[in-house]
């Protein structure tokens, strides 16, 4: 924000950066939930979370360049927030991502507790 505003004639207001930050919380929570679930259930597969994050990044930033179909673009959680801060945040994807993240976190904690009892 500071670097961008330093070179602009009309600096952008902080609220635009804040909206973008808030919009990225549900996808980040989803990936954290995936990581926690993998650590709790199958810890050897925890690197899969990084693969999924990388795939979502490639789909989001290069999907249109390589002409991916619309259904493939929608796989990435970042797709649903690409127009923020220009457009308002739609509540449905936020609720789905937060709900799935909470479920995955609970599954991860339960799996970790079961593994802890076995040792």
N, C-alpha and C. Protein backbone atom coordinates (compact mmCIF):
# COMPACT_ATOMS: atom_id res chain seq x y z
N UNK A 1 0.82 -1.17 0.00
CA UNK A 1 0.00 0.00 0.00
C UNK A 1 0.87 1.24 0.00
N UNK A 2 1.87 1.24 0.85
CA UNK A 2 2.75 2.40 0.93
C UNK A 2 3.51 2.66 -0.35
N UNK A 3 4.03 1.59 -0.95
CA UNK A 3 4.79 1.74 -2.20
C UNK A 3 3.88 2.19 -3.33
N UNK A 4 2.68 1.64 -3.40
CA UNK A 4 1.75 2.02 -4.45
C UNK A 4 1.32 3.47 -4.31
N UNK A 5 0.97 3.87 -3.10
CA UNK A 5 0.53 5.24 -2.88
C UNK A 5 1.66 6.25 -3.05
N UNK A 6 2.89 5.84 -2.87
CA UNK A 6 4.03 6.75 -3.02
C UNK A 6 4.21 7.20 -4.46
N UNK A 7 3.80 6.38 -5.41
CA UNK A 7 4.01 6.71 -6.82
C UNK A 7 2.74 7.20 -7.52
N UNK A 8 1.62 7.18 -6.86
CA UNK A 8 0.36 7.63 -7.47
C UNK A 8 0.15 9.12 -7.23
N UNK A 9 -0.46 9.79 -8.22
CA UNK A 9 -0.80 11.20 -8.03
C UNK A 9 -1.94 11.35 -7.04
N UNK A 10 -2.90 10.40 -7.10
CA UNK A 10 -4.03 10.39 -6.18
C UNK A 10 -3.99 9.08 -5.41
N UNK A 11 -3.42 9.08 -4.22
CA UNK A 11 -3.28 7.84 -3.46
C UNK A 11 -4.64 7.19 -3.17
N UNK A 12 -4.63 5.88 -3.13
CA UNK A 12 -5.84 5.12 -2.81
C UNK A 12 -6.09 5.14 -1.31
N UNK A 13 -7.35 5.17 -0.97
CA UNK A 13 -7.73 5.18 0.44
C UNK A 13 -7.47 3.81 1.07
N UNK A 14 -7.25 3.83 2.37
CA UNK A 14 -6.96 2.60 3.10
C UNK A 14 -8.12 1.61 3.03
N UNK A 15 -9.35 2.10 2.89
CA UNK A 15 -10.51 1.20 2.87
C UNK A 15 -10.47 0.20 1.72
N UNK A 16 -9.86 0.57 0.59
CA UNK A 16 -9.77 -0.36 -0.53
C UNK A 16 -8.81 -1.51 -0.22
N UNK A 17 -7.72 -1.18 0.43
CA UNK A 17 -6.77 -2.22 0.83
C UNK A 17 -7.37 -3.09 1.92
N UNK A 18 -8.12 -2.49 2.81
CA UNK A 18 -8.76 -3.22 3.90
C UNK A 18 -9.78 -4.21 3.35
N UNK A 19 -10.57 -3.80 2.35
CA UNK A 19 -11.55 -4.70 1.74
C UNK A 19 -10.87 -5.90 1.08
N UNK A 20 -9.76 -5.64 0.43
CA UNK A 20 -9.04 -6.74 -0.22
C UNK A 20 -8.50 -7.70 0.83
N UNK A 21 -7.98 -7.16 1.92
CA UNK A 21 -7.48 -8.01 3.00
C UNK A 21 -8.60 -8.87 3.59
N UNK A 22 -9.74 -8.26 3.85
CA UNK A 22 -10.88 -9.00 4.40
C UNK A 22 -11.37 -10.06 3.42
N UNK A 23 -11.35 -9.75 2.12
CA UNK A 23 -11.82 -10.70 1.11
C UNK A 23 -10.91 -11.92 1.01
N UNK A 24 -9.65 -11.78 1.37
CA UNK A 24 -8.73 -12.91 1.27
C UNK A 24 -8.74 -13.80 2.52
N UNK A 25 -9.42 -13.38 3.57
CA UNK A 25 -9.48 -14.21 4.78
C UNK A 25 -10.21 -15.54 4.59
N UNK A 26 -11.39 -15.59 3.93
CA UNK A 26 -12.04 -16.90 3.75
C UNK A 26 -11.21 -17.91 2.95
N UNK A 27 -10.59 -17.53 1.82
CA UNK A 27 -9.74 -18.53 1.13
C UNK A 27 -8.55 -18.96 1.98
N UNK A 28 -7.97 -18.03 2.71
CA UNK A 28 -6.84 -18.41 3.57
C UNK A 28 -7.30 -19.34 4.68
N UNK A 29 -8.47 -19.05 5.25
CA UNK A 29 -9.02 -19.94 6.27
C UNK A 29 -9.30 -21.33 5.73
N UNK A 30 -9.76 -21.38 4.48
CA UNK A 30 -10.02 -22.68 3.85
C UNK A 30 -8.73 -23.48 3.71
N UNK A 31 -7.66 -22.84 3.26
CA UNK A 31 -6.40 -23.56 3.12
C UNK A 31 -5.80 -23.93 4.48
N UNK A 32 -6.00 -23.11 5.47
CA UNK A 32 -5.55 -23.47 6.83
C UNK A 32 -6.35 -24.67 7.33
N UNK A 33 -7.66 -24.68 7.04
CA UNK A 33 -8.49 -25.83 7.42
C UNK A 33 -8.05 -27.10 6.73
N UNK A 34 -7.71 -27.00 5.44
CA UNK A 34 -7.21 -28.18 4.71
C UNK A 34 -5.92 -28.68 5.34
N UNK A 35 -5.02 -27.75 5.68
CA UNK A 35 -3.75 -28.15 6.29
C UNK A 35 -3.96 -28.80 7.65
N UNK A 36 -4.82 -28.24 8.47
CA UNK A 36 -5.08 -28.81 9.79
C UNK A 36 -5.71 -30.19 9.67
N UNK A 37 -6.64 -30.35 8.73
CA UNK A 37 -7.28 -31.66 8.53
C UNK A 37 -6.25 -32.68 8.06
N UNK A 38 -5.37 -32.29 7.16
CA UNK A 38 -4.35 -33.23 6.70
C UNK A 38 -3.38 -33.59 7.81
N UNK A 39 -2.98 -32.63 8.61
CA UNK A 39 -2.07 -32.92 9.72
C UNK A 39 -2.76 -33.83 10.74
N UNK A 40 -4.05 -33.61 10.96
CA UNK A 40 -4.76 -34.42 11.95
C UNK A 40 -5.06 -35.83 11.48
N UNK A 41 -5.31 -36.01 10.20
CA UNK A 41 -5.72 -37.33 9.69
C UNK A 41 -4.54 -38.09 9.09
N UNK A 42 -3.89 -37.50 8.11
CA UNK A 42 -2.75 -38.15 7.45
C UNK A 42 -1.58 -37.15 7.39
N UNK A 43 -0.77 -37.10 8.41
CA UNK A 43 0.29 -36.09 8.46
C UNK A 43 1.31 -36.20 7.33
N UNK A 44 1.45 -37.38 6.75
CA UNK A 44 2.41 -37.52 5.65
C UNK A 44 1.96 -36.75 4.41
N UNK A 45 0.69 -36.45 4.30
CA UNK A 45 0.15 -35.76 3.13
C UNK A 45 0.03 -34.26 3.34
N UNK A 46 0.61 -33.73 4.40
CA UNK A 46 0.43 -32.31 4.70
C UNK A 46 0.96 -31.40 3.60
N UNK A 47 1.89 -31.88 2.80
CA UNK A 47 2.42 -31.07 1.70
C UNK A 47 1.37 -30.87 0.60
N UNK A 48 0.33 -31.69 0.61
CA UNK A 48 -0.74 -31.54 -0.37
C UNK A 48 -1.41 -30.17 -0.26
N UNK A 49 -1.43 -29.61 0.94
CA UNK A 49 -2.02 -28.27 1.12
C UNK A 49 -1.26 -27.24 0.29
N UNK A 50 0.05 -27.36 0.23
CA UNK A 50 0.86 -26.43 -0.57
C UNK A 50 0.61 -26.64 -2.06
N UNK A 51 0.42 -27.88 -2.46
CA UNK A 51 0.12 -28.18 -3.86
C UNK A 51 -1.22 -27.55 -4.24
N UNK A 52 -2.22 -27.69 -3.37
CA UNK A 52 -3.53 -27.11 -3.63
C UNK A 52 -3.46 -25.59 -3.68
N UNK A 53 -2.70 -24.99 -2.78
CA UNK A 53 -2.53 -23.54 -2.78
C UNK A 53 -1.85 -23.07 -4.06
N UNK A 54 -0.82 -23.79 -4.48
CA UNK A 54 -0.13 -23.46 -5.73
C UNK A 54 -1.04 -23.60 -6.94
N UNK A 55 -1.85 -24.66 -6.96
CA UNK A 55 -2.79 -24.86 -8.06
C UNK A 55 -3.83 -23.74 -8.10
N UNK A 56 -4.32 -23.35 -6.93
CA UNK A 56 -5.29 -22.25 -6.88
C UNK A 56 -4.66 -20.95 -7.38
N UNK A 57 -3.41 -20.72 -7.04
CA UNK A 57 -2.71 -19.53 -7.52
C UNK A 57 -2.57 -19.56 -9.04
N UNK A 58 -2.14 -20.68 -9.58
CA UNK A 58 -1.97 -20.80 -11.04
C UNK A 58 -3.31 -20.62 -11.75
N UNK A 59 -4.35 -21.23 -11.22
CA UNK A 59 -5.67 -21.09 -11.84
C UNK A 59 -6.13 -19.64 -11.79
N UNK A 60 -5.92 -18.98 -10.66
CA UNK A 60 -6.39 -17.60 -10.51
C UNK A 60 -5.64 -16.63 -11.42
N UNK A 61 -4.34 -16.77 -11.48
CA UNK A 61 -3.55 -15.78 -12.20
C UNK A 61 -3.29 -16.13 -13.66
N UNK A 62 -3.26 -17.39 -14.00
CA UNK A 62 -2.95 -17.78 -15.36
C UNK A 62 -4.09 -18.50 -16.06
N UNK A 63 -5.20 -18.71 -15.37
CA UNK A 63 -6.31 -19.46 -15.94
C UNK A 63 -6.89 -18.83 -17.19
N UNK A 64 -7.06 -17.54 -17.18
CA UNK A 64 -7.60 -16.86 -18.36
C UNK A 64 -6.58 -16.81 -19.50
N UNK A 65 -5.31 -16.74 -19.15
CA UNK A 65 -4.28 -16.70 -20.20
C UNK A 65 -4.19 -18.02 -20.97
N UNK A 66 -4.44 -19.13 -20.26
CA UNK A 66 -4.37 -20.43 -20.93
C UNK A 66 -5.76 -20.94 -21.31
N UNK A 67 -6.74 -20.04 -21.29
CA UNK A 67 -8.12 -20.32 -21.72
C UNK A 67 -8.75 -21.50 -21.00
N UNK A 68 -8.66 -21.51 -19.69
CA UNK A 68 -9.37 -22.53 -18.93
C UNK A 68 -10.86 -22.25 -18.98
N UNK A 69 -11.68 -23.29 -19.01
CA UNK A 69 -13.13 -23.06 -19.00
C UNK A 69 -13.57 -22.44 -17.66
N UNK A 70 -14.74 -21.84 -17.68
CA UNK A 70 -15.24 -21.13 -16.49
C UNK A 70 -15.36 -22.06 -15.28
N UNK A 71 -15.77 -23.31 -15.49
CA UNK A 71 -15.91 -24.24 -14.37
C UNK A 71 -14.56 -24.50 -13.73
N UNK A 72 -13.49 -24.51 -14.51
CA UNK A 72 -12.15 -24.74 -13.96
C UNK A 72 -11.68 -23.52 -13.18
N UNK A 73 -12.05 -22.33 -13.63
CA UNK A 73 -11.68 -21.12 -12.89
C UNK A 73 -12.37 -21.07 -11.53
N UNK A 74 -13.59 -21.60 -11.47
CA UNK A 74 -14.36 -21.57 -10.23
C UNK A 74 -13.84 -22.54 -9.17
N UNK A 75 -12.91 -23.41 -9.54
CA UNK A 75 -12.32 -24.34 -8.58
C UNK A 75 -11.49 -23.58 -7.56
N UNK A 76 -10.83 -22.53 -7.99
CA UNK A 76 -9.98 -21.76 -7.09
C UNK A 76 -10.83 -20.92 -6.15
N UNK A 77 -10.56 -20.96 -4.85
CA UNK A 77 -11.32 -20.12 -3.93
C UNK A 77 -11.08 -18.63 -4.17
N UNK A 78 -9.96 -18.27 -4.76
CA UNK A 78 -9.66 -16.87 -5.02
C UNK A 78 -10.51 -16.30 -6.15
N UNK A 79 -11.09 -17.16 -6.98
CA UNK A 79 -11.94 -16.72 -8.09
C UNK A 79 -13.13 -15.91 -7.58
N UNK A 80 -13.67 -16.31 -6.45
CA UNK A 80 -14.90 -15.72 -5.95
C UNK A 80 -14.70 -14.31 -5.39
N UNK A 81 -13.43 -13.89 -5.24
CA UNK A 81 -13.17 -12.57 -4.67
C UNK A 81 -12.28 -11.73 -5.58
N UNK A 82 -12.25 -12.03 -6.86
CA UNK A 82 -11.33 -11.35 -7.76
C UNK A 82 -11.73 -9.91 -8.05
N UNK A 83 -12.96 -9.55 -7.86
CA UNK A 83 -13.39 -8.18 -8.17
C UNK A 83 -13.39 -7.26 -6.96
N UNK A 84 -12.96 -7.74 -5.83
CA UNK A 84 -12.86 -6.91 -4.64
C UNK A 84 -11.60 -6.07 -4.80
N UNK A 85 -11.56 -4.82 -4.51
CA UNK A 85 -12.51 -3.97 -3.80
C UNK A 85 -13.49 -3.24 -4.69
N UNK A 86 -13.45 -3.44 -6.01
CA UNK A 86 -14.37 -2.73 -6.90
C UNK A 86 -15.81 -3.16 -6.64
N UNK A 87 -16.03 -4.46 -6.54
CA UNK A 87 -17.36 -5.01 -6.27
C UNK A 87 -17.46 -5.41 -4.80
N UNK A 88 -18.67 -5.52 -4.33
CA UNK A 88 -18.88 -5.94 -2.95
C UNK A 88 -18.67 -7.44 -2.80
N UNK A 89 -18.38 -7.85 -1.59
CA UNK A 89 -18.17 -9.26 -1.30
C UNK A 89 -19.51 -9.96 -1.23
N UNK A 90 -19.65 -11.06 -1.99
CA UNK A 90 -20.86 -11.86 -1.96
C UNK A 90 -20.82 -12.75 -0.72
N UNK A 91 -21.92 -12.82 0.01
CA UNK A 91 -21.94 -13.54 1.28
C UNK A 91 -21.93 -15.06 1.10
N UNK A 92 -22.49 -15.58 0.02
CA UNK A 92 -22.60 -17.03 -0.15
C UNK A 92 -21.23 -17.72 -0.19
N UNK A 93 -20.27 -17.29 -1.03
CA UNK A 93 -18.97 -17.96 -1.00
C UNK A 93 -18.25 -17.82 0.33
N UNK A 94 -18.44 -16.69 0.99
CA UNK A 94 -17.81 -16.49 2.30
C UNK A 94 -18.34 -17.52 3.29
N UNK A 95 -19.65 -17.67 3.33
CA UNK A 95 -20.25 -18.61 4.27
C UNK A 95 -19.83 -20.05 3.97
N UNK A 96 -19.80 -20.42 2.69
CA UNK A 96 -19.38 -21.77 2.32
C UNK A 96 -17.94 -22.03 2.72
N UNK A 97 -17.07 -21.09 2.42
CA UNK A 97 -15.64 -21.30 2.72
C UNK A 97 -15.39 -21.33 4.21
N UNK A 98 -16.02 -20.44 4.95
CA UNK A 98 -15.84 -20.43 6.40
C UNK A 98 -16.42 -21.70 7.01
N UNK A 99 -17.58 -22.13 6.52
CA UNK A 99 -18.19 -23.36 7.03
C UNK A 99 -17.32 -24.58 6.76
N UNK A 100 -16.82 -24.69 5.54
CA UNK A 100 -15.95 -25.83 5.20
C UNK A 100 -14.66 -25.76 6.00
N UNK A 101 -14.11 -24.56 6.18
CA UNK A 101 -12.88 -24.41 6.96
C UNK A 101 -13.09 -24.84 8.41
N UNK A 102 -14.20 -24.45 9.00
CA UNK A 102 -14.48 -24.83 10.40
C UNK A 102 -14.63 -26.35 10.50
N UNK A 103 -15.35 -26.95 9.56
CA UNK A 103 -15.53 -28.41 9.57
C UNK A 103 -14.18 -29.11 9.44
N UNK A 104 -13.33 -28.64 8.52
CA UNK A 104 -12.01 -29.25 8.35
C UNK A 104 -11.13 -29.07 9.58
N UNK A 105 -11.21 -27.93 10.22
CA UNK A 105 -10.43 -27.70 11.44
C UNK A 105 -10.89 -28.64 12.54
N UNK A 106 -12.19 -28.80 12.70
CA UNK A 106 -12.71 -29.73 13.72
C UNK A 106 -12.28 -31.16 13.40
N UNK A 107 -12.37 -31.56 12.14
CA UNK A 107 -11.93 -32.90 11.75
C UNK A 107 -10.45 -33.08 12.04
N UNK A 108 -9.65 -32.07 11.75
CA UNK A 108 -8.21 -32.14 12.02
C UNK A 108 -7.92 -32.28 13.50
N UNK A 109 -8.61 -31.51 14.33
CA UNK A 109 -8.39 -31.60 15.78
C UNK A 109 -8.82 -32.96 16.32
N UNK A 110 -9.95 -33.46 15.84
CA UNK A 110 -10.40 -34.79 16.28
C UNK A 110 -9.40 -35.86 15.86
N UNK A 111 -8.96 -35.80 14.61
CA UNK A 111 -7.96 -36.77 14.14
C UNK A 111 -6.66 -36.69 14.92
N UNK A 112 -6.24 -35.48 15.24
CA UNK A 112 -5.00 -35.32 16.00
C UNK A 112 -5.17 -35.88 17.41
N UNK A 113 -6.32 -35.66 18.02
CA UNK A 113 -6.56 -36.19 19.37
C UNK A 113 -6.57 -37.71 19.37
N UNK A 114 -7.16 -38.34 18.35
CA UNK A 114 -7.14 -39.79 18.27
C UNK A 114 -5.73 -40.32 18.10
N UNK A 115 -4.94 -39.65 17.28
CA UNK A 115 -3.54 -40.05 17.11
C UNK A 115 -2.76 -39.87 18.41
N UNK A 116 -3.07 -38.82 19.14
CA UNK A 116 -2.39 -38.54 20.40
C UNK A 116 -2.71 -39.61 21.44
N UNK A 117 -3.93 -40.11 21.45
CA UNK A 117 -4.31 -41.15 22.41
C UNK A 117 -3.64 -42.47 22.09
N UNK A 118 -3.40 -42.73 20.82
CA UNK A 118 -2.75 -43.99 20.43
C UNK A 118 -1.31 -44.05 20.91
N UNK A 119 -0.66 -42.91 20.97
CA UNK A 119 0.74 -42.88 21.41
C UNK A 119 0.78 -42.88 22.91
